PDB file of N, CA and C in Angstrom:
ATOM      1  N   UNK A   1       4.774  41.047  11.772  1.00  0.00           N
ATOM      2  CA  UNK A   1       5.696  40.062  12.290  1.00  0.00           C
ATOM      3  C   UNK A   1       6.063  39.001  11.264  1.00  0.00           C
ATOM      4  N   UNK A   2       5.470  39.021  10.108  1.00  0.00           N
ATOM      5  CA  UNK A   2       5.785  38.025   9.084  1.00  0.00           C
ATOM      6  C   UNK A   2       7.146  38.251   8.450  1.00  0.00           C
ATOM      7  N   UNK A   3       7.779  39.375   8.719  1.00  0.00           N
ATOM      8  CA  UNK A   3       9.081  39.677   8.130  1.00  0.00           C
ATOM      9  C   UNK A   3      10.242  39.156   8.961  1.00  0.00           C
ATOM     10  N   UNK A   4       9.969  38.439  10.038  1.00  0.00           N
ATOM     11  CA  UNK A   4      11.038  37.906  10.883  1.00  0.00           C
ATOM     12  C   UNK A   4      11.764  36.783  10.173  1.00  0.00           C
ATOM     13  N   UNK A   5      13.082  36.718  10.360  1.00  0.00           N
ATOM     14  CA  UNK A   5      13.889  35.680   9.729  1.00  0.00           C
ATOM     15  C   UNK A   5      14.902  35.161  10.737  1.00  0.00           C
ATOM     16  N   UNK A   6      15.010  33.849  10.834  1.00  0.00           N
ATOM     17  CA  UNK A   6      16.013  33.256  11.726  1.00  0.00           C
ATOM     18  C   UNK A   6      17.396  33.575  11.191  1.00  0.00           C
ATOM     19  N   UNK A   7      18.291  34.013  12.058  1.00  0.00           N
ATOM     20  CA  UNK A   7      19.641  34.368  11.621  1.00  0.00           C
ATOM     21  C   UNK A   7      20.702  33.463  12.217  1.00  0.00           C
ATOM     22  N   UNK A   8      20.305  32.645  13.203  1.00  0.00           N
ATOM     23  CA  UNK A   8      21.286  31.809  13.870  1.00  0.00           C
ATOM     24  C   UNK A   8      20.597  30.552  14.393  1.00  0.00           C
ATOM     25  N   UNK A   9      21.313  29.432  14.322  1.00  0.00           N
ATOM     26  CA  UNK A   9      20.797  28.171  14.856  1.00  0.00           C
ATOM     27  C   UNK A   9      21.757  27.688  15.935  1.00  0.00           C
ATOM     28  N   UNK A  10      21.217  27.445  17.123  1.00  0.00           N
ATOM     29  CA  UNK A  10      22.038  27.021  18.256  1.00  0.00           C
ATOM     30  C   UNK A  10      21.398  25.799  18.904  1.00  0.00           C
ATOM     31  N   UNK A  11      22.213  24.795  19.150  1.00  0.00           N
ATOM     32  CA  UNK A  11      21.790  23.605  19.887  1.00  0.00           C
ATOM     33  C   UNK A  11      22.578  23.583  21.192  1.00  0.00           C
ATOM     34  N   UNK A  12      21.897  23.347  22.306  1.00  0.00           N
ATOM     35  CA  UNK A  12      22.557  23.315  23.612  1.00  0.00           C
ATOM     36  C   UNK A  12      22.369  21.931  24.216  1.00  0.00           C
ATOM     37  N   UNK A  13      23.462  21.359  24.715  1.00  0.00           N
ATOM     38  CA  UNK A  13      23.390  20.046  25.324  1.00  0.00           C
ATOM     39  C   UNK A  13      24.345  19.972  26.508  1.00  0.00           C
ATOM     40  N   UNK A  14      23.979  19.181  27.470  1.00  0.00           N
ATOM     41  CA  UNK A  14      24.845  19.018  28.639  1.00  0.00           C
ATOM     42  C   UNK A  14      26.092  18.235  28.274  1.00  0.00           C
ATOM     43  N   UNK A  15      25.918  17.236  27.421  1.00  0.00           N
ATOM     44  CA  UNK A  15      27.036  16.363  27.059  1.00  0.00           C
ATOM     45  C   UNK A  15      26.906  15.976  25.590  1.00  0.00           C
ATOM     46  N   UNK A  16      28.011  15.881  24.907  1.00  0.00           N
ATOM     47  CA  UNK A  16      28.029  15.433  23.522  1.00  0.00           C
ATOM     48  C   UNK A  16      28.891  14.184  23.458  1.00  0.00           C
ATOM     49  N   UNK A  17      28.271  13.074  23.055  1.00  0.00           N
ATOM     50  CA  UNK A  17      29.002  11.811  22.982  1.00  0.00           C
ATOM     51  C   UNK A  17      28.486  10.995  21.805  1.00  0.00           C
ATOM     52  N   UNK A  18      29.027   9.808  21.618  1.00  0.00           N
ATOM     53  CA  UNK A  18      28.639   8.996  20.461  1.00  0.00           C
ATOM     54  C   UNK A  18      27.180   8.558  20.534  1.00  0.00           C
ATOM     55  N   UNK A  19      26.594   8.524  21.726  1.00  0.00           N
ATOM     56  CA  UNK A  19      25.203   8.103  21.876  1.00  0.00           C
ATOM     57  C   UNK A  19      24.190   9.193  21.507  1.00  0.00           C
ATOM     58  N   UNK A  20      24.546  10.458  21.699  1.00  0.00           N
ATOM     59  CA  UNK A  20      23.581  11.520  21.419  1.00  0.00           C
ATOM     60  C   UNK A  20      24.005  12.468  20.299  1.00  0.00           C
ATOM     61  N   UNK A  21      25.185  12.298  19.764  1.00  0.00           N
ATOM     62  CA  UNK A  21      25.706  13.208  18.740  1.00  0.00           C
ATOM     63  C   UNK A  21      24.793  13.305  17.516  1.00  0.00           C
ATOM     64  N   UNK A  22      24.337  12.165  17.023  1.00  0.00           N
ATOM     65  CA  UNK A  22      23.489  12.172  15.831  1.00  0.00           C
ATOM     66  C   UNK A  22      22.198  12.960  16.081  1.00  0.00           C
ATOM     67  N   UNK A  23      21.598  12.778  17.237  1.00  0.00           N
ATOM     68  CA  UNK A  23      20.365  13.489  17.585  1.00  0.00           C
ATOM     69  C   UNK A  23      20.622  14.993  17.694  1.00  0.00           C
ATOM     70  N   UNK A  24      21.679  15.370  18.406  1.00  0.00           N
ATOM     71  CA  UNK A  24      21.960  16.797  18.633  1.00  0.00           C
ATOM     72  C   UNK A  24      22.315  17.511  17.331  1.00  0.00           C
ATOM     73  N   UNK A  25      23.186  16.922  16.550  1.00  0.00           N
ATOM     74  CA  UNK A  25      23.606  17.547  15.293  1.00  0.00           C
ATOM     75  C   UNK A  25      22.484  17.468  14.254  1.00  0.00           C
ATOM     76  N   UNK A  26      21.777  16.338  14.224  1.00  0.00           N
ATOM     77  CA  UNK A  26      20.693  16.172  13.259  1.00  0.00           C
ATOM     78  C   UNK A  26      19.592  17.208  13.424  1.00  0.00           C
ATOM     79  N   UNK A  27      19.222  17.489  14.651  1.00  0.00           N
ATOM     80  CA  UNK A  27      18.206  18.506  14.907  1.00  0.00           C
ATOM     81  C   UNK A  27      18.660  19.888  14.473  1.00  0.00           C
ATOM     82  N   UNK A  28      19.910  20.183  14.714  1.00  0.00           N
ATOM     83  CA  UNK A  28      20.474  21.471  14.312  1.00  0.00           C
ATOM     84  C   UNK A  28      20.483  21.601  12.793  1.00  0.00           C
ATOM     85  N   UNK A  29      20.925  20.571  12.102  1.00  0.00           N
ATOM     86  CA  UNK A  29      20.971  20.582  10.634  1.00  0.00           C
ATOM     87  C   UNK A  29      19.564  20.768  10.055  1.00  0.00           C
ATOM     88  N   UNK A  30      18.594  20.106  10.640  1.00  0.00           N
ATOM     89  CA  UNK A  30      17.213  20.224  10.170  1.00  0.00           C
ATOM     90  C   UNK A  30      16.732  21.678  10.224  1.00  0.00           C
ATOM     91  N   UNK A  31      16.996  22.350  11.328  1.00  0.00           N
ATOM     92  CA  UNK A  31      16.607  23.755  11.474  1.00  0.00           C
ATOM     93  C   UNK A  31      17.388  24.630  10.494  1.00  0.00           C
ATOM     94  N   UNK A  32      18.671  24.357  10.345  1.00  0.00           N
ATOM     95  CA  UNK A  32      19.503  25.145   9.441  1.00  0.00           C
ATOM     96  C   UNK A  32      19.010  25.033   8.006  1.00  0.00           C
ATOM     97  N   UNK A  33      18.618  23.844   7.588  1.00  0.00           N
ATOM     98  CA  UNK A  33      18.104  23.659   6.234  1.00  0.00           C
ATOM     99  C   UNK A  33      16.767  24.370   6.061  1.00  0.00           C
ATOM    100  N   UNK A  34      15.895  24.240   7.033  1.00  0.00           N
ATOM    101  CA  UNK A  34      14.575  24.858   6.950  1.00  0.00           C
ATOM    102  C   UNK A  34      14.661  26.372   6.814  1.00  0.00           C
ATOM    103  N   UNK A  35      15.560  26.991   7.576  1.00  0.00           N
ATOM    104  CA  UNK A  35      15.671  28.448   7.582  1.00  0.00           C
ATOM    105  C   UNK A  35      16.844  28.986   6.770  1.00  0.00           C
ATOM    106  N   UNK A  36      17.473  28.104   5.992  1.00  0.00           N
ATOM    107  CA  UNK A  36      18.578  28.496   5.099  1.00  0.00           C
ATOM    108  C   UNK A  36      19.694  29.222   5.846  1.00  0.00           C
ATOM    109  N   UNK A  37      20.135  28.602   6.937  1.00  0.00           N
ATOM    110  CA  UNK A  37      21.219  29.136   7.758  1.00  0.00           C
ATOM    111  C   UNK A  37      22.473  28.326   7.449  1.00  0.00           C
ATOM    112  N   UNK A  38      23.579  28.988   7.161  1.00  0.00           N
ATOM    113  CA  UNK A  38      24.797  28.301   6.736  1.00  0.00           C
ATOM    114  C   UNK A  38      25.694  27.837   7.883  1.00  0.00           C
ATOM    115  N   UNK A  39      25.629  28.535   9.020  1.00  0.00           N
ATOM    116  CA  UNK A  39      26.486  28.181  10.147  1.00  0.00           C
ATOM    117  C   UNK A  39      25.642  27.898  11.381  1.00  0.00           C
ATOM    118  N   UNK A  40      26.025  26.838  12.102  1.00  0.00           N
ATOM    119  CA  UNK A  40      25.327  26.488  13.321  1.00  0.00           C
ATOM    120  C   UNK A  40      26.299  26.384  14.486  1.00  0.00           C
ATOM    121  N   UNK A  41      25.739  26.350  15.672  1.00  0.00           N
ATOM    122  CA  UNK A  41      26.543  26.315  16.880  1.00  0.00           C
ATOM    123  C   UNK A  41      25.972  25.273  17.835  1.00  0.00           C
ATOM    124  N   UNK A  42      26.837  24.413  18.330  1.00  0.00           N
ATOM    125  CA  UNK A  42      26.457  23.458  19.364  1.00  0.00           C
ATOM    126  C   UNK A  42      27.198  23.868  20.632  1.00  0.00           C
ATOM    127  N   UNK A  43      26.435  24.229  21.656  1.00  0.00           N
ATOM    128  CA  UNK A  43      27.017  24.592  22.943  1.00  0.00           C
ATOM    129  C   UNK A  43      26.938  23.383  23.861  1.00  0.00           C
ATOM    130  N   UNK A  44      28.080  23.013  24.420  1.00  0.00           N
ATOM    131  CA  UNK A  44      28.170  21.848  25.297  1.00  0.00           C
ATOM    132  C   UNK A  44      28.633  22.333  26.665  1.00  0.00           C
ATOM    133  N   UNK A  45      27.993  21.830  27.711  1.00  0.00           N
ATOM    134  CA  UNK A  45      28.279  22.319  29.057  1.00  0.00           C
ATOM    135  C   UNK A  45      29.774  22.337  29.369  1.00  0.00           C
ATOM    136  N   UNK A  46      30.459  21.255  29.157  1.00  0.00           N
ATOM    137  CA  UNK A  46      31.886  21.195  29.476  1.00  0.00           C
ATOM    138  C   UNK A  46      32.620  20.445  28.365  1.00  0.00           C
ATOM    139  N   UNK A  47      32.877  21.127  27.283  1.00  0.00           N
ATOM    140  CA  UNK A  47      33.532  20.524  26.127  1.00  0.00           C
ATOM    141  C   UNK A  47      35.048  20.603  26.300  1.00  0.00           C
ATOM    142  N   UNK A  48      35.708  19.483  26.132  1.00  0.00           N
ATOM    143  CA  UNK A  48      37.165  19.429  26.318  1.00  0.00           C
ATOM    144  C   UNK A  48      37.918  20.128  25.186  1.00  0.00           C
ATOM    145  N   UNK A  49      37.460  19.913  23.949  1.00  0.00           N
ATOM    146  CA  UNK A  49      38.156  20.474  22.799  1.00  0.00           C
ATOM    147  C   UNK A  49      37.138  21.057  21.825  1.00  0.00           C
ATOM    148  N   UNK A  50      37.296  22.322  21.512  1.00  0.00           N
ATOM    149  CA  UNK A  50      36.403  22.960  20.553  1.00  0.00           C
ATOM    150  C   UNK A  50      36.800  22.554  19.149  1.00  0.00           C
ATOM    151  N   UNK A  51      35.797  22.314  18.322  1.00  0.00           N
ATOM    152  CA  UNK A  51      36.053  21.901  16.943  1.00  0.00           C
ATOM    153  C   UNK A  51      35.065  22.588  16.012  1.00  0.00           C
ATOM    154  N   UNK A  52      35.322  22.406  14.744  1.00  0.00           N
ATOM    155  CA  UNK A  52      34.448  22.915  13.702  1.00  0.00           C
ATOM    156  C   UNK A  52      34.434  21.876  12.596  1.00  0.00           C
ATOM    157  N   UNK A  53      33.271  21.618  12.022  1.00  0.00           N
ATOM    158  CA  UNK A  53      33.199  20.638  10.944  1.00  0.00           C
ATOM    159  C   UNK A  53      32.067  20.980   9.993  1.00  0.00           C
ATOM    160  N   UNK A  54      32.127  20.367   8.821  1.00  0.00           N
ATOM    161  CA  UNK A  54      31.066  20.523   7.827  1.00  0.00           C
ATOM    162  C   UNK A  54      30.187  19.293   7.855  1.00  0.00           C
ATOM    163  N   UNK A  55      28.883  19.519   7.907  1.00  0.00           N
ATOM    164  CA  UNK A  55      27.898  18.446   7.865  1.00  0.00           C
ATOM    165  C   UNK A  55      26.832  18.875   6.862  1.00  0.00           C
ATOM    166  N   UNK A  56      26.602  18.075   5.838  1.00  0.00           N
ATOM    167  CA  UNK A  56      25.613  18.413   4.806  1.00  0.00           C
ATOM    168  C   UNK A  56      25.824  19.824   4.257  1.00  0.00           C
ATOM    169  N   UNK A  57      27.065  20.179   3.975  1.00  0.00           N
ATOM    170  CA  UNK A  57      27.442  21.494   3.460  1.00  0.00           C
ATOM    171  C   UNK A  57      27.111  22.648   4.408  1.00  0.00           C
ATOM    172  N   UNK A  58      26.955  22.355   5.669  1.00  0.00           N
ATOM    173  CA  UNK A  58      26.718  23.378   6.686  1.00  0.00           C
ATOM    174  C   UNK A  58      27.889  23.372   7.668  1.00  0.00           C
ATOM    175  N   UNK A  59      28.333  24.534   8.060  1.00  0.00           N
ATOM    176  CA  UNK A  59      29.447  24.643   9.005  1.00  0.00           C
ATOM    177  C   UNK A  59      28.900  24.651  10.429  1.00  0.00           C
ATOM    178  N   UNK A  60      29.432  23.761  11.259  1.00  0.00           N
ATOM    179  CA  UNK A  60      28.993  23.663  12.642  1.00  0.00           C
ATOM    180  C   UNK A  60      30.191  23.827  13.569  1.00  0.00           C
ATOM    181  N   UNK A  61      30.050  24.719  14.543  1.00  0.00           N
ATOM    182  CA  UNK A  61      31.076  24.918  15.559  1.00  0.00           C
ATOM    183  C   UNK A  61      30.598  24.263  16.847  1.00  0.00           C
ATOM    184  N   UNK A  62      31.492  23.565  17.509  1.00  0.00           N
ATOM    185  CA  UNK A  62      31.226  22.941  18.802  1.00  0.00           C
ATOM    186  C   UNK A  62      32.018  23.720  19.835  1.00  0.00           C
ATOM    187  N   UNK A  63      31.312  24.367  20.757  1.00  0.00           N
ATOM    188  CA  UNK A  63      31.933  25.298  21.691  1.00  0.00           C
ATOM    189  C   UNK A  63      31.481  24.980  23.114  1.00  0.00           C
ATOM    190  N   UNK A  64      32.373  25.183  24.054  1.00  0.00           N
ATOM    191  CA  UNK A  64      32.044  25.012  25.466  1.00  0.00           C
ATOM    192  C   UNK A  64      31.122  26.145  25.912  1.00  0.00           C
ATOM    193  N   UNK A  65      30.062  25.805  26.615  1.00  0.00           N
ATOM    194  CA  UNK A  65      29.069  26.789  27.054  1.00  0.00           C
ATOM    195  C   UNK A  65      29.692  27.893  27.898  1.00  0.00           C
ATOM    196  N   UNK A  66      30.552  27.546  28.841  1.00  0.00           N
ATOM    197  CA  UNK A  66      31.124  28.562  29.727  1.00  0.00           C
ATOM    198  C   UNK A  66      31.927  29.592  28.938  1.00  0.00           C
ATOM    199  N   UNK A  67      32.616  29.131  27.880  1.00  0.00           N
ATOM    200  CA  UNK A  67      33.417  30.063  27.074  1.00  0.00           C
ATOM    201  C   UNK A  67      32.497  31.017  26.309  1.00  0.00           C
ATOM    202  N   UNK A  68      31.442  30.496  25.761  1.00  0.00           N
ATOM    203  CA  UNK A  68      30.493  31.329  25.019  1.00  0.00           C
ATOM    204  C   UNK A  68      29.845  32.370  25.938  1.00  0.00           C
ATOM    205  N   UNK A  69      29.492  31.962  27.149  1.00  0.00           N
ATOM    206  CA  UNK A  69      28.877  32.911  28.081  1.00  0.00           C
ATOM    207  C   UNK A  69      29.849  34.021  28.479  1.00  0.00           C
ATOM    208  N   UNK A  70      31.128  33.682  28.593  1.00  0.00           N
ATOM    209  CA  UNK A  70      32.113  34.714  28.927  1.00  0.00           C
ATOM    210  C   UNK A  70      32.292  35.713  27.781  1.00  0.00           C
ATOM    211  N   UNK A  71      32.098  35.255  26.549  1.00  0.00           N
ATOM    212  CA  UNK A  71      32.230  36.131  25.382  1.00  0.00           C
ATOM    213  C   UNK A  71      31.102  37.140  25.320  1.00  0.00           C
ATOM    214  N   UNK A  72      29.937  36.769  25.815  1.00  0.00           N
ATOM    215  CA  UNK A  72      28.770  37.648  25.769  1.00  0.00           C
ATOM    216  C   UNK A  72      28.930  38.682  26.830  1.00  0.00           C
TER     217      UNK A  72
END
């Protein structure tokens, strides 16, 4: 089992706002750096507008949870 490698980093939150954004994104970035993952995903319960941005040279997508579940 030592050969396992993280391939994806996902953060899930009910709401993303100015009060919790730093915590939610910061935790995701920390995991991405630790496991050398270039792209991360933040799933938000009811996100009005999907976006994508670079943070610390890492690409992060912000996606509505319901849309992601429909894709699966």
